Amino acid sequence: MRTLFVTCALLALASCHGHSQPTANQSSATAPEVPGKGIDRSHKGQTAPKATFEDPQGIKVSMAGFEHRPVLVNLWATWCAPCVKELPTLDRLARAHQDGSLAVVAISQDEAPEASVQAFFKAHNIKSLDAFHDPKMTWSGAVNAEVLPTSILFDANGREVWRYVGDQDWTTPEAAKLLAEGGVSPPK
C-alpha cells in the first residue's frame, strides 16, 4: 500500500503543477515525469487474472463474472486525490453504457471496511458504479499495478487491451478512441 500511496501522491503533485496527461498518440518519452503516467500497452493480450475482489455485499467475485463484453477496471482509493477527481467521469461512462456494452468496474484499494467505500460513493454522488472492494489488494497485485489510479481495458474475450496509469476524463473523445480499441462502441 505504501508504494501505491507514494505514487498516488506523486500523481496529485504533478497535476497540481500543471503537467498535462499524454494523449493516446504520445509516447512515454513525452509523458510527464510521474512514473508510468499515460497509456501502457506492454501487457496487451494477457488474460485477466483469476484473483478475486469483493462486490458491494462482500461476496468474492472475479473477472469471470463480466465475460463476453469489454470491461474497464479502475483501481482507486478514497485517499487518492487523482482517483477522486476521476470517479465522476467513470460514473458518467458507466451510466452511458448501462445497456451492457461496457462494464465499468471500480475496485477500491482502501483497507477500511466496505461500508466506508459505499458511504464515500454516496457522499460524492456516485450512482452508476458499484462499490467493489479489494482491501488486501489481491487483484491489483495480480496485475502488478503500482500506481493509483490505474485503469485496465479488457476486451470481450478477457484479454488486456491497454492500461492507463493516472487519472483520465473518461467522457472525452480521446477516451472514446482508447475504448474503441477494445471493441467499445460509443453509447447510443
Protein backbone atom coordinates (compact mmCIF):
# COMPACT_ATOMS: atom_id res chain seq x y z
CA MET A 1 0.00 0.00 0.00
CA ARG A 2 2.82 2.40 0.74
CA THR A 3 4.05 2.21 -2.88
CA LEU A 4 0.52 2.92 -4.12
CA PHE A 5 0.18 5.84 -1.69
CA VAL A 6 3.51 7.42 -2.66
CA THR A 7 2.81 7.06 -6.38
CA CYS A 8 -0.69 8.48 -5.98
CA ALA A 9 0.81 11.42 -4.09
CA LEU A 10 3.28 11.99 -6.94
CA LEU A 11 0.42 11.98 -9.45
CA ALA A 12 -1.50 14.50 -7.37
CA LEU A 13 1.56 16.72 -7.09
CA ALA A 14 2.19 16.56 -10.84
CA SER A 15 -1.41 17.50 -11.63
CA CYS A 16 -1.17 20.44 -9.24
CA HIS A 17 1.91 21.73 -11.07
CA GLY A 18 0.26 21.87 -14.47
CA HIS A 19 1.61 18.68 -16.03
CA SER A 20 -0.75 17.54 -18.75
CA GLN A 21 -1.68 13.94 -19.48
CA PRO A 22 -0.22 12.36 -22.60
CA THR A 23 -2.70 11.54 -25.33
CA ALA A 24 -3.02 8.12 -26.90
CA ASN A 25 -0.63 9.23 -29.66
CA GLN A 26 2.17 10.43 -27.38
CA SER A 27 4.99 8.11 -26.45
CA SER A 28 6.16 7.51 -22.92
CA ALA A 29 9.19 9.64 -23.76
CA THR A 30 6.94 12.72 -23.86
CA ALA A 31 4.90 11.79 -20.80
CA PRO A 32 5.11 13.86 -17.62
CA GLU A 33 7.82 12.95 -15.15
CA VAL A 34 5.44 10.94 -12.99
CA PRO A 35 6.35 7.23 -13.03
CA GLY A 36 4.46 5.44 -15.79
CA LYS A 37 1.73 8.05 -16.28
CA GLY A 38 -0.21 7.58 -19.53
CA ILE A 39 -1.07 4.69 -21.81
CA ASP A 40 0.72 1.35 -21.40
CA ARG A 41 0.26 -1.41 -23.97
CA SER A 42 3.06 -3.66 -22.70
CA HIS A 43 0.57 -6.16 -21.21
CA LYS A 44 -1.60 -6.38 -24.33
CA GLY A 45 -3.10 -9.83 -24.86
CA GLN A 46 -2.65 -11.02 -21.27
CA THR A 47 -5.65 -12.80 -19.78
CA ALA A 48 -7.50 -11.14 -16.90
CA PRO A 49 -6.31 -12.56 -13.58
CA LYS A 50 -8.36 -15.12 -11.71
CA ALA A 51 -7.79 -13.23 -8.46
CA THR A 52 -10.91 -12.14 -6.61
CA PHE A 53 -12.23 -8.91 -5.14
CA GLU A 54 -15.43 -8.17 -3.22
CA ASP A 55 -18.76 -6.99 -4.57
CA PRO A 56 -20.81 -4.44 -2.55
CA GLN A 57 -22.30 -7.28 -0.46
CA GLY A 58 -18.82 -8.58 0.44
CA ILE A 59 -19.09 -11.63 -1.84
CA LYS A 60 -15.89 -12.64 -3.63
CA VAL A 61 -16.12 -12.18 -7.40
CA SER A 62 -13.68 -12.40 -10.30
CA MET A 63 -13.47 -11.11 -13.83
CA ALA A 64 -15.25 -14.29 -14.99
CA GLY A 65 -18.47 -12.61 -13.87
CA PHE A 66 -18.01 -9.99 -16.59
CA GLU A 67 -17.36 -12.34 -19.52
CA HIS A 68 -18.40 -11.68 -23.12
CA ARG A 69 -18.21 -7.89 -23.01
CA PRO A 70 -15.45 -5.31 -22.71
CA VAL A 71 -14.58 -4.34 -19.13
CA LEU A 72 -12.84 -1.21 -17.90
CA VAL A 73 -11.37 -1.93 -14.47
CA ASN A 74 -10.37 1.11 -12.42
CA LEU A 75 -8.16 0.69 -9.36
CA TRP A 76 -8.63 3.60 -6.99
CA ALA A 77 -8.75 4.65 -3.32
CA THR A 78 -10.63 7.26 -1.30
CA TRP A 79 -7.37 8.85 -0.13
CA CYS A 80 -6.05 9.30 -3.69
CA ALA A 81 -6.83 12.82 -5.00
CA PRO A 82 -6.45 11.94 -8.73
CA CYS A 83 -8.73 8.93 -8.16
CA VAL A 84 -11.41 11.08 -6.56
CA LYS A 85 -11.11 13.60 -9.40
CA GLU A 86 -11.59 10.82 -11.97
CA LEU A 87 -14.55 9.00 -10.32
CA PRO A 88 -17.36 11.27 -11.64
CA THR A 89 -16.21 10.68 -15.23
CA LEU A 90 -16.16 6.91 -14.64
CA ASP A 91 -19.65 7.21 -13.17
CA ARG A 92 -20.89 9.02 -16.31
CA LEU A 93 -19.18 6.39 -18.50
CA ALA A 94 -20.93 3.59 -16.59
CA ARG A 95 -24.29 5.38 -16.89
CA ALA A 96 -23.78 5.85 -20.65
CA HIS A 97 -23.15 2.09 -21.06
CA GLN A 98 -25.98 0.74 -18.91
CA ASP A 99 -27.00 -1.27 -21.98
CA GLY A 100 -24.22 -3.73 -21.09
CA SER A 101 -21.90 -2.78 -23.96
CA LEU A 102 -19.18 -1.98 -21.40
CA ALA A 103 -18.79 -2.94 -17.76
CA VAL A 104 -17.09 -0.28 -15.65
CA VAL A 105 -15.65 -1.93 -12.55
CA ALA A 106 -14.18 0.47 -9.99
CA ILE A 107 -12.26 -1.53 -7.37
CA SER A 108 -11.37 0.36 -4.19
CA GLN A 109 -7.96 -0.37 -2.71
CA ASP A 110 -8.98 1.01 0.69
CA GLU A 111 -8.19 -1.12 3.71
CA ALA A 112 -11.25 0.26 5.52
CA PRO A 113 -14.47 -1.79 5.59
CA GLU A 114 -16.75 -1.96 2.53
CA ALA A 115 -19.32 0.27 4.23
CA SER A 116 -16.84 3.16 4.15
CA VAL A 117 -16.45 2.82 0.37
CA GLN A 118 -20.23 2.78 -0.07
CA ALA A 119 -20.52 5.87 2.16
CA PHE A 120 -17.84 7.59 0.07
CA PHE A 121 -19.81 6.87 -3.13
CA LYS A 122 -22.96 8.25 -1.53
CA ALA A 123 -21.20 11.39 -0.27
CA HIS A 124 -19.73 12.02 -3.75
CA ASN A 125 -22.99 11.29 -5.61
CA ILE A 126 -21.55 8.28 -7.45
CA LYS A 127 -24.67 6.37 -8.52
CA SER A 128 -23.84 4.25 -11.59
CA LEU A 129 -20.77 2.46 -10.24
CA ASP A 130 -20.90 -0.47 -7.84
CA ALA A 131 -18.60 -0.21 -4.82
CA PHE A 132 -16.24 -3.11 -5.48
CA HIS A 133 -13.51 -3.52 -2.89
CA ASP A 134 -10.07 -5.16 -2.69
CA PRO A 135 -8.87 -4.35 0.86
CA LYS A 136 -5.93 -6.77 0.67
CA MET A 137 -5.01 -5.52 -2.85
CA THR A 138 -5.06 -9.07 -4.18
CA TRP A 139 -6.39 -8.11 -7.61
CA SER A 140 -4.13 -5.10 -8.05
CA GLY A 141 -1.19 -7.29 -7.05
CA ALA A 142 -2.19 -9.89 -9.63
CA VAL A 143 -1.98 -7.27 -12.41
CA ASN A 144 1.14 -5.67 -10.95
CA ALA A 145 -0.48 -2.23 -10.60
CA GLU A 146 1.76 0.09 -8.63
CA VAL A 147 0.06 3.42 -9.30
CA LEU A 148 -3.38 4.72 -8.40
CA PRO A 149 -5.45 5.32 -10.30
CA THR A 150 -4.81 2.66 -12.92
CA SER A 151 -7.48 1.67 -15.43
CA ILE A 152 -7.24 -1.52 -17.47
CA LEU A 153 -9.38 -2.28 -20.51
CA PHE A 154 -10.14 -5.95 -21.20
CA ASP A 155 -11.84 -6.98 -24.45
CA ALA A 156 -14.88 -9.28 -24.61
CA ASN A 157 -12.52 -12.29 -24.56
CA GLY A 158 -10.96 -11.23 -21.25
CA ARG A 159 -7.66 -10.12 -22.80
CA GLU A 160 -5.95 -6.89 -21.80
CA VAL A 161 -6.01 -4.19 -24.47
CA TRP A 162 -4.16 -1.45 -22.56
CA ARG A 163 -3.85 0.17 -19.18
CA TYR A 164 -4.00 3.86 -18.42
CA VAL A 165 -1.88 4.94 -15.47
CA GLY A 166 -3.07 8.13 -13.80
CA ASP A 167 -6.37 9.95 -13.90
CA GLN A 168 -8.30 10.39 -17.13
CA ASP A 169 -11.51 12.13 -18.12
CA TRP A 170 -13.44 9.14 -19.45
CA THR A 171 -16.03 11.34 -21.19
CA THR A 172 -13.68 12.87 -23.80
CA PRO A 173 -13.33 11.94 -27.49
CA GLU A 174 -9.75 10.79 -26.74
CA ALA A 175 -11.06 8.36 -24.12
CA ALA A 176 -13.69 7.10 -26.59
CA LYS A 177 -10.89 6.36 -29.10
CA LEU A 178 -9.00 4.39 -26.47
CA LEU A 179 -12.12 2.43 -25.51
CA ALA A 180 -12.84 1.67 -29.18
CA GLU A 181 -9.54 -0.26 -29.27
CA GLY A 182 -11.27 -2.83 -27.05
CA GLY A 183 -14.41 -3.01 -29.14
CA VAL A 184 -16.39 -0.47 -27.13
CA SER A 185 -18.89 1.41 -29.28
CA PRO A 186 -19.98 4.93 -28.31
CA PRO A 187 -23.22 4.91 -26.31
CA LYS A 188 -26.43 5.28 -28.27
